[in-house]
Amino acid sequence: MNKNFIIIAVIVLAALGGYFLLRTPAAPSVPA
């Protein structure tokens, strides 16, 4: 497997994880 592909996949998963984490109602700066 290409190492660059793995790195990109990890970055995308981290970005999606942070996005959904900020979308949670627990975040005070995000409108419900």
N, C-alpha and C. Protein backbone atom coordinates (compact mmCIF):
# COMPACT_ATOMS: atom_id res chain seq x y z
N MET A 1 0.85 -1.20 0.00
CA MET A 1 0.00 0.00 0.00
C MET A 1 0.89 1.25 0.00
N ASN A 2 0.41 2.27 -0.68
CA ASN A 2 1.19 3.51 -0.77
C ASN A 2 1.15 4.26 0.56
N LYS A 3 2.32 4.65 1.04
CA LYS A 3 2.39 5.33 2.34
C LYS A 3 1.68 6.69 2.27
N ASN A 4 1.80 7.38 1.13
CA ASN A 4 1.13 8.68 1.00
C ASN A 4 -0.39 8.52 1.12
N PHE A 5 -0.92 7.42 0.58
CA PHE A 5 -2.36 7.18 0.67
C PHE A 5 -2.78 7.01 2.13
N ILE A 6 -1.97 6.31 2.90
CA ILE A 6 -2.28 6.10 4.32
C ILE A 6 -2.25 7.43 5.07
N ILE A 7 -1.26 8.26 4.77
CA ILE A 7 -1.15 9.56 5.44
C ILE A 7 -2.37 10.43 5.11
N ILE A 8 -2.76 10.45 3.83
CA ILE A 8 -3.93 11.24 3.42
C ILE A 8 -5.19 10.72 4.10
N ALA A 9 -5.30 9.39 4.18
CA ALA A 9 -6.49 8.79 4.81
C ALA A 9 -6.57 9.19 6.28
N VAL A 10 -5.43 9.19 6.97
CA VAL A 10 -5.41 9.56 8.39
C VAL A 10 -5.80 11.03 8.56
N ILE A 11 -5.31 11.89 7.68
CA ILE A 11 -5.64 13.31 7.77
C ILE A 11 -7.13 13.53 7.53
N VAL A 12 -7.68 12.83 6.54
CA VAL A 12 -9.12 12.97 6.24
C VAL A 12 -9.96 12.47 7.41
N LEU A 13 -9.57 11.34 7.98
CA LEU A 13 -10.33 10.81 9.12
C LEU A 13 -10.24 11.76 10.31
N ALA A 14 -9.08 12.37 10.52
CA ALA A 14 -8.93 13.31 11.62
C ALA A 14 -9.79 14.55 11.39
N ALA A 15 -9.85 15.01 10.14
CA ALA A 15 -10.66 16.19 9.81
C ALA A 15 -12.14 15.88 10.02
N LEU A 16 -12.58 14.70 9.57
CA LEU A 16 -13.98 14.33 9.74
C LEU A 16 -14.31 14.16 11.23
N GLY A 17 -13.37 13.58 11.99
CA GLY A 17 -13.59 13.39 13.42
C GLY A 17 -13.74 14.74 14.12
N GLY A 18 -12.88 15.69 13.79
CA GLY A 18 -12.96 17.01 14.40
C GLY A 18 -14.23 17.74 13.98
N TYR A 19 -14.66 17.53 12.73
CA TYR A 19 -15.87 18.19 12.22
C TYR A 19 -17.10 17.71 12.99
N PHE A 20 -17.21 16.38 13.13
CA PHE A 20 -18.36 15.84 13.85
C PHE A 20 -18.27 16.16 15.34
N LEU A 21 -17.05 16.27 15.86
CA LEU A 21 -16.87 16.60 17.27
C LEU A 21 -17.37 18.03 17.53
N LEU A 22 -17.13 18.94 16.57
CA LEU A 22 -17.57 20.32 16.73
C LEU A 22 -19.08 20.44 16.51
N ARG A 23 -19.68 19.47 15.80
CA ARG A 23 -21.12 19.52 15.53
C ARG A 23 -21.95 19.04 16.72
N THR A 24 -21.30 18.50 17.73
CA THR A 24 -22.04 17.99 18.89
C THR A 24 -22.64 19.15 19.69
N PRO A 25 -23.82 18.95 20.28
CA PRO A 25 -24.49 20.01 21.07
C PRO A 25 -23.65 20.43 22.28
N ALA A 26 -22.65 19.62 22.66
CA ALA A 26 -21.83 19.95 23.82
C ALA A 26 -20.94 21.16 23.54
N ALA A 27 -20.69 21.44 22.25
CA ALA A 27 -19.86 22.60 21.90
C ALA A 27 -20.69 23.87 22.00
N PRO A 28 -20.29 24.81 22.85
CA PRO A 28 -21.08 26.03 23.09
C PRO A 28 -21.08 26.98 21.90
N SER A 29 -20.07 26.89 21.03
CA SER A 29 -19.97 27.86 19.93
C SER A 29 -20.70 27.37 18.69
N VAL A 30 -21.29 26.16 18.74
CA VAL A 30 -21.99 25.63 17.57
C VAL A 30 -23.49 25.63 17.82
N PRO A 31 -24.25 26.30 16.95
CA PRO A 31 -25.72 26.34 17.11
C PRO A 31 -26.31 24.95 16.97
N ALA A 32 -27.29 24.63 17.80
CA ALA A 32 -27.89 23.29 17.78
C ALA A 32 -28.68 23.10 16.48
